[in-house]
Amino acid sequence: MEKCVIMTDSCCDLPIEYINEKNVPYVKLSCNFDDKEYADDFGTTLSYKKFFDGLRNGIVPKTSQPSSQAFYDKFKELIDDGNDIIYLCVSSGLSGTFNGANVARNMILEEYPEANIDIIDCLTGSLGQGLIVKKAIELKEEKNATRKEIVSYIEEIKMKVNTYILVDDLSYLKKGGRISGAAATIGMVLHVKPVLTLNDEGRVIPILKVKGRKKSLAKLVEIAKERMINPKEEIVTICHGDCLDEALKLKEKLINELEVKEVLINYIGNAVGAYSGADALAIFFMGEERQNHII
């Protein structure tokens, strides 16, 4: 019987309790925060609260992707233990992590030609990536799916993972090159709260401009109503940049108005939070095909 391990990276922003419970192997991105280097390890080394309070006080963090050596070490450890590997990676449109993983995979295959390492570009991040990880693990545990079956399933569903994001301060996305300077400037000057999404290339694009935070939150619920598939059978994930009260209100609306099966809430991690900033709020769900244009 094959041994298949599903691994990911710290951009998935799943609760550390889930990572530990399911024993999910992962590689860590890193974050330079207030002139000190921290591992992005689900709020363990640098607490979420300290991180987002620092952003509010003007600290500008910088992130680094894992080295190819870090991937090589993790892959080798799992291969030496007799495992096949499925690595669910943060979007190549957001990070160079995918490329680093492939370099390491090629290094491993030179030494272990029979090794099976599948690297899947999730084309999303944060709890969108986390949602994919969760679905892969459920398929493995509940259906005893094979490696090939899991890979096929994830490749089939990943483009249906819808992402909608509210960002309170666009300057972080602008500084990180994740959104155009023009789009960021317009939003900040007009006090517009744009709704952002991840397109088919896994890149951040603005799709809708809403005046005010309250209306923006209502818009997230409206979009979920329009686009979510089988809400009574699906999990919705919500991540937040230290604005838990709003995340809980969003959860309540989703449960009351869509009767969704489950809502998972967690903080945005440091690697993603360096670009989203404090008070960002994002919702992820299985829906129609991704939006690639302004609505």
C-alpha atoms as a PDB file:
ATOM      1  CA  MET A   1       0.000   0.000   0.000  1.00  0.00           C
ATOM      2  CA  GLU A   2       1.406   3.371  -1.011  1.00  0.00           C
ATOM      3  CA  LYS A   3       2.397   5.939   1.573  1.00  0.00           C
ATOM      4  CA  CYS A   4       1.400   9.371   0.375  1.00  0.00           C
ATOM      5  CA  VAL A   5       2.080  12.590   2.270  1.00  0.00           C
ATOM      6  CA  ILE A   6       0.293  15.842   1.566  1.00  0.00           C
ATOM      7  CA  MET A   7       2.548  18.770   2.384  1.00  0.00           C
ATOM      8  CA  THR A   8       2.246  22.524   1.961  1.00  0.00           C
ATOM      9  CA  ASP A   9       3.912  25.788   2.928  1.00  0.00           C
ATOM     10  CA  SER A  10       3.239  28.387   5.582  1.00  0.00           C
ATOM     11  CA  CYS A  11       1.238  30.597   3.203  1.00  0.00           C
ATOM     12  CA  CYS A  12      -1.746  28.248   3.632  1.00  0.00           C
ATOM     13  CA  ASP A  13      -2.665  30.065   6.896  1.00  0.00           C
ATOM     14  CA  LEU A  14      -4.414  27.052   8.403  1.00  0.00           C
ATOM     15  CA  PRO A  15      -4.742  27.010  12.209  1.00  0.00           C
ATOM     16  CA  ILE A  16      -1.625  25.589  13.818  1.00  0.00           C
ATOM     17  CA  GLU A  17      -3.894  23.188  15.727  1.00  0.00           C
ATOM     18  CA  TYR A  18      -5.023  21.652  12.422  1.00  0.00           C
ATOM     19  CA  ILE A  19      -1.452  21.434  11.100  1.00  0.00           C
ATOM     20  CA  ASN A  20      -0.379  19.625  14.269  1.00  0.00           C
ATOM     21  CA  GLU A  21      -3.444  17.386  14.479  1.00  0.00           C
ATOM     22  CA  LYS A  22      -3.071  16.186  10.888  1.00  0.00           C
ATOM     23  CA  ASN A  23       0.741  16.190  11.086  1.00  0.00           C
ATOM     24  CA  VAL A  24       1.003  18.204   7.869  1.00  0.00           C
ATOM     25  CA  PRO A  25       4.625  18.700   6.752  1.00  0.00           C
ATOM     26  CA  TYR A  26       5.343  22.221   5.562  1.00  0.00           C
ATOM     27  CA  VAL A  27       8.130  24.551   4.539  1.00  0.00           C
ATOM     28  CA  LYS A  28       8.357  28.000   6.065  1.00  0.00           C
ATOM     29  CA  LEU A  29       8.609  31.325   4.372  1.00  0.00           C
ATOM     30  CA  SER A  30      10.327  34.010   6.428  1.00  0.00           C
ATOM     31  CA  CYS A  31       9.548  37.570   7.373  1.00  0.00           C
ATOM     32  CA  ASN A  32      11.927  40.400   8.245  1.00  0.00           C
ATOM     33  CA  PHE A  33      10.013  42.391  10.843  1.00  0.00           C
ATOM     34  CA  ASP A  34      11.445  45.358  12.702  1.00  0.00           C
ATOM     35  CA  ASP A  35      14.970  44.402  11.544  1.00  0.00           C
ATOM     36  CA  LYS A  36      14.684  40.856  12.851  1.00  0.00           C
ATOM     37  CA  GLU A  37      14.205  37.676  10.832  1.00  0.00           C
ATOM     38  CA  TYR A  38      11.260  35.466  11.819  1.00  0.00           C
ATOM     39  CA  ALA A  39      10.029  32.162  10.478  1.00  0.00           C
ATOM     40  CA  ASP A  40       6.493  32.279   9.151  1.00  0.00           C
ATOM     41  CA  ASP A  41       5.253  29.462  11.364  1.00  0.00           C
ATOM     42  CA  PHE A  42       1.558  30.029  11.953  1.00  0.00           C
ATOM     43  CA  GLY A  43       2.027  32.695  14.604  1.00  0.00           C
ATOM     44  CA  THR A  44       4.308  30.613  16.820  1.00  0.00           C
ATOM     45  CA  THR A  45       7.551  32.627  16.715  1.00  0.00           C
ATOM     46  CA  LEU A  46       6.041  36.029  15.960  1.00  0.00           C
ATOM     47  CA  SER A  47       2.500  36.299  17.279  1.00  0.00           C
ATOM     48  CA  TYR A  48      -0.225  37.477  14.931  1.00  0.00           C
ATOM     49  CA  LYS A  49      -1.162  40.259  17.343  1.00  0.00           C
ATOM     50  CA  LYS A  50       2.371  41.631  17.599  1.00  0.00           C
ATOM     51  CA  PHE A  51       2.766  41.468  13.824  1.00  0.00           C
ATOM     52  CA  PHE A  52      -0.399  43.392  12.954  1.00  0.00           C
ATOM     53  CA  ASP A  53       0.081  45.913  15.759  1.00  0.00           C
ATOM     54  CA  GLY A  54       3.531  46.535  14.288  1.00  0.00           C
ATOM     55  CA  LEU A  55       2.034  47.180  10.854  1.00  0.00           C
ATOM     56  CA  ARG A  56      -0.381  49.692  12.372  1.00  0.00           C
ATOM     57  CA  ASN A  57       2.592  51.443  13.952  1.00  0.00           C
ATOM     58  CA  GLY A  58       4.410  51.809  10.648  1.00  0.00           C
ATOM     59  CA  ILE A  59       6.669  48.755  10.489  1.00  0.00           C
ATOM     60  CA  VAL A  60       7.168  47.604   6.896  1.00  0.00           C
ATOM     61  CA  PRO A  61       7.992  43.873   6.770  1.00  0.00           C
ATOM     62  CA  LYS A  62       9.742  42.035   3.968  1.00  0.00           C
ATOM     63  CA  THR A  63       9.235  38.396   3.115  1.00  0.00           C
ATOM     64  CA  SER A  64      11.517  35.709   1.705  1.00  0.00           C
ATOM     65  CA  GLN A  65      10.550  32.436   0.050  1.00  0.00           C
ATOM     66  CA  PRO A  66      12.017  29.116   1.224  1.00  0.00           C
ATOM     67  CA  SER A  67      15.354  28.177  -0.300  1.00  0.00           C
ATOM     68  CA  SER A  68      15.636  25.258  -2.686  1.00  0.00           C
ATOM     69  CA  GLN A  69      17.777  23.635  -0.001  1.00  0.00           C
ATOM     70  CA  ALA A  70      14.916  23.861   2.502  1.00  0.00           C
ATOM     71  CA  PHE A  71      12.683  22.066   0.015  1.00  0.00           C
ATOM     72  CA  TYR A  72      15.368  19.507  -0.751  1.00  0.00           C
ATOM     73  CA  ASP A  73      15.789  18.716   2.961  1.00  0.00           C
ATOM     74  CA  LYS A  74      12.040  18.315   3.513  1.00  0.00           C
ATOM     75  CA  PHE A  75      11.538  16.238   0.370  1.00  0.00           C
ATOM     76  CA  LYS A  76      14.503  13.992   1.217  1.00  0.00           C
ATOM     77  CA  GLU A  77      13.251  13.438   4.762  1.00  0.00           C
ATOM     78  CA  LEU A  78       9.854  12.320   3.478  1.00  0.00           C
ATOM     79  CA  ILE A  79      11.267  10.208   0.622  1.00  0.00           C
ATOM     80  CA  ASP A  80      13.728   8.480   2.965  1.00  0.00           C
ATOM     81  CA  ASP A  81      10.734   7.531   5.111  1.00  0.00           C
ATOM     82  CA  GLY A  82       9.189   5.771   2.127  1.00  0.00           C
ATOM     83  CA  ASN A  83       6.600   8.372   1.173  1.00  0.00           C
ATOM     84  CA  ASP A  84       5.243   9.684  -2.082  1.00  0.00           C
ATOM     85  CA  ILE A  85       4.729  13.459  -1.885  1.00  0.00           C
ATOM     86  CA  ILE A  86       1.998  15.841  -2.986  1.00  0.00           C
ATOM     87  CA  TYR A  87       3.086  19.412  -2.342  1.00  0.00           C
ATOM     88  CA  LEU A  88       0.290  21.988  -2.487  1.00  0.00           C
ATOM     89  CA  CYS A  89       2.093  25.257  -3.173  1.00  0.00           C
ATOM     90  CA  VAL A  90       1.185  28.918  -2.811  1.00  0.00           C
ATOM     91  CA  SER A  91       0.336  30.633  -6.099  1.00  0.00           C
ATOM     92  CA  SER A  92       3.203  31.166  -8.515  1.00  0.00           C
ATOM     93  CA  GLY A  93       1.505  34.492  -9.237  1.00  0.00           C
ATOM     94  CA  LEU A  94       2.247  35.624  -5.681  1.00  0.00           C
ATOM     95  CA  SER A  95       5.584  34.027  -4.852  1.00  0.00           C
ATOM     96  CA  GLY A  96       8.620  32.341  -6.365  1.00  0.00           C
ATOM     97  CA  THR A  97       8.137  29.426  -3.968  1.00  0.00           C
ATOM     98  CA  PHE A  98       6.812  27.172  -6.747  1.00  0.00           C
ATOM     99  CA  ASN A  99      10.029  27.574  -8.755  1.00  0.00           C
ATOM    100  CA  GLY A 100      12.212  26.833  -5.739  1.00  0.00           C
ATOM    101  CA  ALA A 101      10.262  23.650  -5.045  1.00  0.00           C
ATOM    102  CA  ASN A 102      10.728  22.442  -8.623  1.00  0.00           C
ATOM    103  CA  VAL A 103      14.490  23.029  -8.447  1.00  0.00           C
ATOM    104  CA  ALA A 104      14.595  20.874  -5.310  1.00  0.00           C
ATOM    105  CA  ARG A 105      12.412  18.193  -6.910  1.00  0.00           C
ATOM    106  CA  ASN A 106      14.863  17.885  -9.800  1.00  0.00           C
ATOM    107  CA  MET A 107      17.735  17.581  -7.317  1.00  0.00           C
ATOM    108  CA  ILE A 108      15.913  14.780  -5.511  1.00  0.00           C
ATOM    109  CA  LEU A 109      15.125  12.919  -8.744  1.00  0.00           C
ATOM    110  CA  GLU A 110      18.802  12.863  -9.663  1.00  0.00           C
ATOM    111  CA  GLU A 111      19.440  10.895  -6.470  1.00  0.00           C
ATOM    112  CA  TYR A 112      16.125   9.040  -6.255  1.00  0.00           C
ATOM    113  CA  PRO A 113      14.892   8.428  -9.826  1.00  0.00           C
ATOM    114  CA  GLU A 114      11.931   6.384  -8.554  1.00  0.00           C
ATOM    115  CA  ALA A 115      10.684   9.095  -6.188  1.00  0.00           C
ATOM    116  CA  ASN A 116       7.164  10.417  -6.718  1.00  0.00           C
ATOM    117  CA  ILE A 117       6.864  14.146  -5.997  1.00  0.00           C
ATOM    118  CA  ASP A 118       3.886  16.049  -7.367  1.00  0.00           C
ATOM    119  CA  ILE A 119       4.045  19.836  -7.029  1.00  0.00           C
ATOM    120  CA  ILE A 120       0.703  21.557  -7.559  1.00  0.00           C
ATOM    121  CA  ASP A 121       0.513  25.299  -8.061  1.00  0.00           C
ATOM    122  CA  CYS A 122      -2.673  26.133  -6.162  1.00  0.00           C
ATOM    123  CA  LEU A 123      -2.894  29.536  -7.889  1.00  0.00           C
ATOM    124  CA  THR A 124      -4.207  30.927  -4.620  1.00  0.00           C
ATOM    125  CA  GLY A 125      -2.847  31.580  -1.153  1.00  0.00           C
ATOM    126  CA  SER A 126      -3.775  31.987   2.494  1.00  0.00           C
ATOM    127  CA  LEU A 127      -6.915  30.055   3.411  1.00  0.00           C
ATOM    128  CA  GLY A 128      -7.743  29.488  -0.263  1.00  0.00           C
ATOM    129  CA  GLN A 129      -4.634  27.331  -0.355  1.00  0.00           C
ATOM    130  CA  GLY A 130      -5.618  26.045   3.081  1.00  0.00           C
ATOM    131  CA  LEU A 131      -9.030  25.016   1.745  1.00  0.00           C
ATOM    132  CA  ILE A 132      -7.330  22.972  -0.974  1.00  0.00           C
ATOM    133  CA  VAL A 133      -5.031  21.329   1.587  1.00  0.00           C
ATOM    134  CA  LYS A 134      -8.030  20.475   3.750  1.00  0.00           C
ATOM    135  CA  LYS A 135      -9.919  18.931   0.826  1.00  0.00           C
ATOM    136  CA  ALA A 136      -6.895  16.855  -0.205  1.00  0.00           C
ATOM    137  CA  ILE A 137      -6.472  15.505   3.322  1.00  0.00           C
ATOM    138  CA  GLU A 138     -10.178  14.707   3.597  1.00  0.00           C
ATOM    139  CA  LEU A 139     -10.047  12.813   0.295  1.00  0.00           C
ATOM    140  CA  LYS A 140      -7.068  10.810   1.510  1.00  0.00           C
ATOM    141  CA  GLU A 141      -8.505  10.029   4.956  1.00  0.00           C
ATOM    142  CA  GLU A 142     -12.182   9.515   4.156  1.00  0.00           C
ATOM    143  CA  LYS A 143     -11.966   7.949   0.692  1.00  0.00           C
ATOM    144  CA  ASN A 144      -8.525   6.327   1.002  1.00  0.00           C
ATOM    145  CA  ALA A 145      -7.673   7.958  -2.338  1.00  0.00           C
ATOM    146  CA  THR A 146      -4.430   7.203  -4.134  1.00  0.00           C
ATOM    147  CA  ARG A 147      -1.786   9.791  -4.971  1.00  0.00           C
ATOM    148  CA  LYS A 148      -2.922   9.958  -8.585  1.00  0.00           C
ATOM    149  CA  GLU A 149      -6.566  10.330  -7.569  1.00  0.00           C
ATOM    150  CA  ILE A 150      -5.745  13.166  -5.175  1.00  0.00           C
ATOM    151  CA  VAL A 151      -3.611  14.996  -7.752  1.00  0.00           C
ATOM    152  CA  SER A 152      -6.320  14.647 -10.397  1.00  0.00           C
ATOM    153  CA  TYR A 153      -8.984  15.912  -7.989  1.00  0.00           C
ATOM    154  CA  ILE A 154      -6.982  18.944  -6.870  1.00  0.00           C
ATOM    155  CA  GLU A 155      -6.080  19.911 -10.428  1.00  0.00           C
ATOM    156  CA  GLU A 156      -9.780  19.675 -11.264  1.00  0.00           C
ATOM    157  CA  ILE A 157     -11.083  21.839  -8.400  1.00  0.00           C
ATOM    158  CA  LYS A 158      -8.368  24.418  -7.821  1.00  0.00           C
ATOM    159  CA  MET A 159      -9.679  26.855 -10.424  1.00  0.00           C
ATOM    160  CA  LYS A 160     -13.050  26.794  -8.679  1.00  0.00           C
ATOM    161  CA  VAL A 161     -11.609  28.154  -5.441  1.00  0.00           C
ATOM    162  CA  ASN A 162     -13.011  31.679  -5.332  1.00  0.00           C
ATOM    163  CA  THR A 163     -11.159  34.407  -3.434  1.00  0.00           C
ATOM    164  CA  TYR A 164     -12.588  37.782  -2.431  1.00  0.00           C
ATOM    165  CA  ILE A 165     -10.503  40.170  -0.376  1.00  0.00           C
ATOM    166  CA  LEU A 166     -11.035  43.475   1.410  1.00  0.00           C
ATOM    167  CA  VAL A 167      -7.826  45.393   2.069  1.00  0.00           C
ATOM    168  CA  ASP A 168      -7.921  48.404   4.373  1.00  0.00           C
ATOM    169  CA  ASP A 169      -4.590  49.848   3.206  1.00  0.00           C
ATOM    170  CA  LEU A 170      -3.550  49.263  -0.405  1.00  0.00           C
ATOM    171  CA  SER A 171      -0.035  50.603   0.163  1.00  0.00           C
ATOM    172  CA  TYR A 172       1.276  47.188   1.244  1.00  0.00           C
ATOM    173  CA  LEU A 173       0.135  45.538  -1.980  1.00  0.00           C
ATOM    174  CA  LYS A 174       1.593  48.445  -3.935  1.00  0.00           C
ATOM    175  CA  LYS A 175       4.993  48.247  -2.182  1.00  0.00           C
ATOM    176  CA  GLY A 176       5.105  44.510  -2.726  1.00  0.00           C
ATOM    177  CA  GLY A 177       4.318  44.826  -6.424  1.00  0.00           C
ATOM    178  CA  ARG A 178       1.130  42.779  -6.039  1.00  0.00           C
ATOM    179  CA  ILE A 179      -1.103  45.568  -7.400  1.00  0.00           C
ATOM    180  CA  SER A 180      -0.478  48.484  -9.745  1.00  0.00           C
ATOM    181  CA  GLY A 181       0.478  51.876  -8.337  1.00  0.00           C
ATOM    182  CA  ALA A 182      -2.404  53.522 -10.172  1.00  0.00           C
ATOM    183  CA  ALA A 183      -5.005  51.181  -8.680  1.00  0.00           C
ATOM    184  CA  ALA A 184      -3.592  51.666  -5.184  1.00  0.00           C
ATOM    185  CA  THR A 185      -3.474  55.464  -5.475  1.00  0.00           C
ATOM    186  CA  ILE A 186      -7.058  55.748  -6.727  1.00  0.00           C
ATOM    187  CA  GLY A 187      -8.319  53.592  -3.883  1.00  0.00           C
ATOM    188  CA  MET A 188      -6.449  55.535  -1.197  1.00  0.00           C
ATOM    189  CA  VAL A 189      -7.339  58.995  -2.504  1.00  0.00           C
ATOM    190  CA  LEU A 190     -11.038  58.269  -2.984  1.00  0.00           C
ATOM    191  CA  HIS A 191     -11.339  56.226   0.232  1.00  0.00           C
ATOM    192  CA  VAL A 192     -12.726  53.414  -1.865  1.00  0.00           C
ATOM    193  CA  LYS A 193     -12.598  49.881  -0.476  1.00  0.00           C
ATOM    194  CA  PRO A 194     -11.910  47.741  -3.540  1.00  0.00           C
ATOM    195  CA  VAL A 195     -12.897  44.112  -3.576  1.00  0.00           C
ATOM    196  CA  LEU A 196      -9.914  42.120  -4.841  1.00  0.00           C
ATOM    197  CA  THR A 197      -9.722  38.618  -6.226  1.00  0.00           C
ATOM    198  CA  LEU A 198      -7.159  36.144  -7.561  1.00  0.00           C
ATOM    199  CA  ASN A 199      -7.484  35.524 -11.286  1.00  0.00           C
ATOM    200  CA  ASP A 200      -6.682  32.420 -13.338  1.00  0.00           C
ATOM    201  CA  GLU A 201      -2.986  33.278 -13.132  1.00  0.00           C
ATOM    202  CA  GLY A 202      -3.165  33.440  -9.349  1.00  0.00           C
ATOM    203  CA  ARG A 203      -2.523  37.195  -9.333  1.00  0.00           C
ATOM    204  CA  VAL A 204      -4.301  39.882  -7.326  1.00  0.00           C
ATOM    205  CA  ILE A 205      -6.657  42.078  -9.338  1.00  0.00           C
ATOM    206  CA  PRO A 206      -9.294  44.624  -8.251  1.00  0.00           C
ATOM    207  CA  ILE A 207     -12.755  43.739  -9.549  1.00  0.00           C
ATOM    208  CA  LEU A 208     -15.134  46.058  -7.753  1.00  0.00           C
ATOM    209  CA  LYS A 209     -15.065  49.408  -5.941  1.00  0.00           C
ATOM    210  CA  VAL A 210     -17.288  49.858  -2.906  1.00  0.00           C
ATOM    211  CA  LYS A 211     -17.582  52.973  -0.774  1.00  0.00           C
ATOM    212  CA  GLY A 212     -17.089  52.138   2.891  1.00  0.00           C
ATOM    213  CA  ARG A 213     -16.205  49.071   4.932  1.00  0.00           C
ATOM    214  CA  LYS A 214     -19.752  48.121   5.954  1.00  0.00           C
ATOM    215  CA  LYS A 215     -20.929  48.013   2.341  1.00  0.00           C
ATOM    216  CA  SER A 216     -17.843  46.026   1.395  1.00  0.00           C
ATOM    217  CA  LEU A 217     -18.634  43.354   3.984  1.00  0.00           C
ATOM    218  CA  ALA A 218     -22.206  43.137   2.717  1.00  0.00           C
ATOM    219  CA  LYS A 219     -20.839  42.760  -0.802  1.00  0.00           C
ATOM    220  CA  LEU A 220     -18.793  39.715   0.213  1.00  0.00           C
ATOM    221  CA  VAL A 221     -21.970  37.990   1.381  1.00  0.00           C
ATOM    222  CA  GLU A 222     -23.780  38.980  -1.802  1.00  0.00           C
ATOM    223  CA  ILE A 223     -20.967  37.582  -3.960  1.00  0.00           C
ATOM    224  CA  ALA A 224     -20.957  34.318  -2.001  1.00  0.00           C
ATOM    225  CA  LYS A 225     -24.718  33.993  -2.552  1.00  0.00           C
ATOM    226  CA  GLU A 226     -24.280  34.491  -6.281  1.00  0.00           C
ATOM    227  CA  ARG A 227     -21.250  32.289  -6.844  1.00  0.00           C
ATOM    228  CA  MET A 228     -21.024  29.588  -4.201  1.00  0.00           C
ATOM    229  CA  ILE A 229     -21.774  26.003  -5.229  1.00  0.00           C
ATOM    230  CA  ASN A 230     -23.734  23.788  -2.810  1.00  0.00           C
ATOM    231  CA  PRO A 231     -23.276  25.995   0.292  1.00  0.00           C
ATOM    232  CA  LYS A 232     -25.012  23.463   2.567  1.00  0.00           C
ATOM    233  CA  GLU A 233     -22.338  20.906   1.694  1.00  0.00           C
ATOM    234  CA  GLU A 234     -19.291  23.148   1.589  1.00  0.00           C
ATOM    235  CA  ILE A 235     -16.712  24.737   3.850  1.00  0.00           C
ATOM    236  CA  VAL A 236     -16.054  28.467   3.685  1.00  0.00           C
ATOM    237  CA  THR A 237     -12.737  29.777   4.995  1.00  0.00           C
ATOM    238  CA  ILE A 238     -12.239  33.319   6.283  1.00  0.00           C
ATOM    239  CA  CYS A 239      -8.928  34.896   7.180  1.00  0.00           C
ATOM    240  CA  HIS A 240      -8.366  38.262   8.789  1.00  0.00           C
ATOM    241  CA  GLY A 241      -5.618  40.732   9.607  1.00  0.00           C
ATOM    242  CA  ASP A 242      -6.508  41.103  13.284  1.00  0.00           C
ATOM    243  CA  CYS A 243     -10.155  42.065  12.779  1.00  0.00           C
ATOM    244  CA  LEU A 244     -11.781  39.016  14.342  1.00  0.00           C
ATOM    245  CA  ASP A 245     -15.068  40.764  15.184  1.00  0.00           C
ATOM    246  CA  GLU A 246     -15.714  41.451  11.504  1.00  0.00           C
ATOM    247  CA  ALA A 247     -14.732  37.906  10.573  1.00  0.00           C
ATOM    248  CA  LEU A 248     -17.230  36.562  13.102  1.00  0.00           C
ATOM    249  CA  LYS A 249     -19.975  38.843  11.750  1.00  0.00           C
ATOM    250  CA  LEU A 250     -19.223  37.595   8.246  1.00  0.00           C
ATOM    251  CA  LYS A 251     -19.385  34.002   9.487  1.00  0.00           C
ATOM    252  CA  GLU A 252     -22.757  34.636  11.139  1.00  0.00           C
ATOM    253  CA  LYS A 253     -24.201  36.102   7.932  1.00  0.00           C
ATOM    254  CA  LEU A 254     -22.926  33.181   5.846  1.00  0.00           C
ATOM    255  CA  ILE A 255     -24.435  30.631   8.217  1.00  0.00           C
ATOM    256  CA  ASN A 256     -27.765  32.476   8.521  1.00  0.00           C
ATOM    257  CA  GLU A 257     -28.200  33.451   4.878  1.00  0.00           C
ATOM    258  CA  LEU A 258     -26.523  30.579   3.011  1.00  0.00           C
ATOM    259  CA  GLU A 259     -26.683  27.812   5.632  1.00  0.00           C
ATOM    260  CA  VAL A 260     -23.104  26.825   4.824  1.00  0.00           C
ATOM    261  CA  LYS A 261     -21.875  23.519   6.206  1.00  0.00           C
ATOM    262  CA  GLU A 262     -18.842  24.903   8.031  1.00  0.00           C
ATOM    263  CA  VAL A 263     -16.906  28.166   8.402  1.00  0.00           C
ATOM    264  CA  LEU A 264     -13.224  28.083   9.351  1.00  0.00           C
ATOM    265  CA  ILE A 265     -11.665  31.334  10.594  1.00  0.00           C
ATOM    266  CA  ASN A 266      -7.992  32.084  11.173  1.00  0.00           C
ATOM    267  CA  TYR A 267      -5.528  34.951  11.110  1.00  0.00           C
ATOM    268  CA  ILE A 268      -3.681  35.902   7.957  1.00  0.00           C
ATOM    269  CA  GLY A 269      -0.099  34.741   8.448  1.00  0.00           C
ATOM    270  CA  ASN A 270       2.958  36.959   8.396  1.00  0.00           C
ATOM    271  CA  ALA A 271       4.072  36.130   4.844  1.00  0.00           C
ATOM    272  CA  VAL A 272       0.680  36.988   3.364  1.00  0.00           C
ATOM    273  CA  GLY A 273      -0.053  39.738   5.886  1.00  0.00           C
ATOM    274  CA  ALA A 274       3.054  41.643   4.795  1.00  0.00           C
ATOM    275  CA  TYR A 275       1.145  42.438   1.581  1.00  0.00           C
ATOM    276  CA  SER A 276      -2.462  42.569   2.773  1.00  0.00           C
ATOM    277  CA  GLY A 277      -1.777  44.767   5.805  1.00  0.00           C
ATOM    278  CA  ALA A 278      -3.738  45.037   9.049  1.00  0.00           C
ATOM    279  CA  ASP A 279      -7.546  44.730   9.006  1.00  0.00           C
ATOM    280  CA  ALA A 280      -7.639  42.836   5.724  1.00  0.00           C
ATOM    281  CA  LEU A 281     -10.462  40.329   5.415  1.00  0.00           C
ATOM    282  CA  ALA A 282     -10.797  37.542   2.862  1.00  0.00           C
ATOM    283  CA  ILE A 283     -13.313  34.836   2.069  1.00  0.00           C
ATOM    284  CA  PHE A 284     -12.649  31.627   0.110  1.00  0.00           C
ATOM    285  CA  PHE A 285     -15.160  29.095  -1.182  1.00  0.00           C
ATOM    286  CA  MET A 286     -15.859  26.600  -3.959  1.00  0.00           C
ATOM    287  CA  GLY A 287     -17.743  28.443  -6.656  1.00  0.00           C
ATOM    288  CA  GLU A 288     -18.071  29.198 -10.309  1.00  0.00           C
ATOM    289  CA  GLU A 289     -14.986  29.753 -12.422  1.00  0.00           C
ATOM    290  CA  ARG A 290     -12.750  32.560 -11.175  1.00  0.00           C
ATOM    291  CA  GLN A 291     -13.399  36.140 -12.149  1.00  0.00           C
ATOM    292  CA  ASN A 292     -10.754  37.752 -14.334  1.00  0.00           C
ATOM    293  CA  HIS A 293     -12.348  41.122 -14.970  1.00  0.00           C
ATOM    294  CA  ILE A 294     -13.985  44.102 -13.281  1.00  0.00           C
ATOM    295  CA  ILE A 295     -17.653  43.563 -12.414  1.00  0.00           C
END
